[in-house]
C-alpha cells in the first residue's frame, strides 16, 4: 500500500514529526530512509522485507529473506543488499553508509 493511502497520522514522516522516533517501528524508520518502493511493493513492505529473518532457498542454497532486523542490517554489505528487489546501487550505498 502506498504511504499516501495511509491516514496522515499513520504516515511515518508525519508520525515522526508529531510523536518522535520512539513512536515508529523499525520498519517505519527504515521506510523513511528508503523513501520509495517499487511497482507492486510499497516502501513499508520493502522495509519489512529487509528486517525479516534470513532464510535459505532449499533448491539453490542461496540466501533469501531479510537480514534479521536492524542488527542484521548493521553487519551487511552493499553486495548482500543486492538480492532485495528494488534496492538499486544508490539505495544500497545509502543504507550501508547510514547504518
Protein backbone atom coordinates (compact mmCIF):
# COMPACT_ATOMS: atom_id res chain seq x y z
CA UNK A 1 0.00 0.00 0.00
CA UNK A 2 1.41 3.40 -0.92
CA UNK A 3 2.13 5.66 2.05
CA UNK A 4 -0.13 8.34 0.63
CA UNK A 5 -3.08 5.94 1.08
CA UNK A 6 -2.48 5.73 4.84
CA UNK A 7 -4.18 8.24 7.13
CA UNK A 8 -1.93 11.26 7.60
CA UNK A 9 -1.23 10.49 11.26
CA UNK A 10 -0.14 6.95 10.32
CA UNK A 11 2.39 8.03 7.69
CA UNK A 12 5.94 7.57 9.02
CA UNK A 13 7.23 11.10 8.39
CA UNK A 14 4.21 12.79 9.93
CA UNK A 15 4.22 10.33 12.82
CA UNK A 16 7.90 11.08 13.47
CA UNK A 17 7.33 14.83 13.39
CA UNK A 18 4.32 14.63 15.70
CA UNK A 19 5.47 11.98 18.19
CA UNK A 20 9.21 11.47 17.75
CA UNK A 21 11.25 8.49 16.54
CA UNK A 22 10.33 6.29 19.52
CA UNK A 23 6.74 6.15 18.20
CA UNK A 24 7.84 4.45 14.97
CA UNK A 25 8.53 0.79 14.32
CA UNK A 26 11.87 -0.25 12.85
CA UNK A 27 10.11 -0.81 9.52
CA UNK A 28 8.71 2.73 9.56
CA UNK A 29 12.12 4.23 10.40
CA UNK A 30 13.75 2.21 7.63
CA UNK A 31 10.99 3.26 5.20
CA UNK A 32 11.93 6.89 5.87
CA UNK A 33 15.49 6.11 4.75
CA UNK A 34 14.36 4.20 1.66
CA UNK A 35 11.84 6.92 0.69
CA UNK A 36 10.17 4.97 -2.14
CA UNK A 37 9.14 1.45 -3.01
CA UNK A 38 8.76 -0.06 -6.45
CA UNK A 39 5.77 -1.03 -8.56
CA UNK A 40 3.88 -3.68 -6.64
CA UNK A 41 5.90 -3.25 -3.45
CA UNK A 42 5.37 -0.26 -1.19
CA UNK A 43 8.20 1.23 0.82
CA UNK A 44 6.87 -0.18 4.11
CA UNK A 45 6.71 -3.66 2.58
CA UNK A 46 10.26 -3.28 1.26
CA UNK A 47 11.47 -2.12 4.67
CA UNK A 48 9.79 -5.08 6.39
CA UNK A 49 11.34 -7.46 3.85
CA UNK A 50 14.78 -6.16 4.82
CA UNK A 51 14.01 -6.69 8.51
CA UNK A 52 12.51 -10.18 8.14
CA UNK A 53 14.50 -13.16 9.40
CA UNK A 54 17.03 -14.60 6.96
CA UNK A 55 16.19 -17.79 5.11
CA UNK A 56 17.88 -20.14 2.67
CA UNK A 57 16.35 -21.41 -0.56
CA UNK A 58 16.04 -25.19 -0.34
CA UNK A 59 16.82 -25.75 -4.02
CA UNK A 60 19.64 -23.29 -4.62
CA UNK A 61 21.09 -22.84 -1.13
CA UNK A 62 21.11 -19.09 -1.70
CA UNK A 63 20.22 -16.60 0.99
CA UNK A 64 16.70 -15.27 0.74
CA UNK A 65 14.54 -13.30 3.08
CA UNK A 66 15.74 -10.41 5.14
CA UNK A 67 18.61 -9.65 7.43
CA UNK A 68 17.03 -10.33 10.81
CA UNK A 69 16.29 -6.81 11.97
CA UNK A 70 18.33 -3.65 12.33
CA UNK A 71 21.16 -5.59 13.99
CA UNK A 72 21.47 -7.78 10.90
CA UNK A 73 21.45 -4.77 8.60
CA UNK A 74 24.30 -3.22 10.60
CA UNK A 75 26.52 -6.11 9.54
CA UNK A 76 25.54 -6.39 5.89
CA UNK A 77 27.35 -5.25 2.78
CA UNK A 78 26.29 -3.47 -0.38
CA UNK A 79 26.65 -6.80 -2.21
CA UNK A 80 24.39 -8.60 0.29
CA UNK A 81 21.67 -5.98 -0.19
CA UNK A 82 21.65 -6.60 -3.96
CA UNK A 83 19.40 -9.64 -3.52
CA UNK A 84 16.50 -7.41 -2.45
CA UNK A 85 14.42 -6.44 -5.47
CA UNK A 86 14.03 -2.69 -5.68
CA UNK A 87 17.29 -1.77 -3.96
CA UNK A 88 19.45 -0.23 -6.63
CA UNK A 89 23.06 0.84 -6.16
CA UNK A 90 22.14 4.25 -4.72
CA UNK A 91 19.78 2.89 -2.04
CA UNK A 92 22.21 0.09 -1.15
CA UNK A 93 25.05 2.58 -0.72
CA UNK A 94 22.88 4.91 1.38
CA UNK A 95 21.77 2.11 3.70
CA UNK A 96 25.31 0.87 4.28
CA UNK A 97 26.51 4.45 4.84
CA UNK A 98 23.87 5.38 7.42
CA UNK A 99 23.79 2.05 9.22
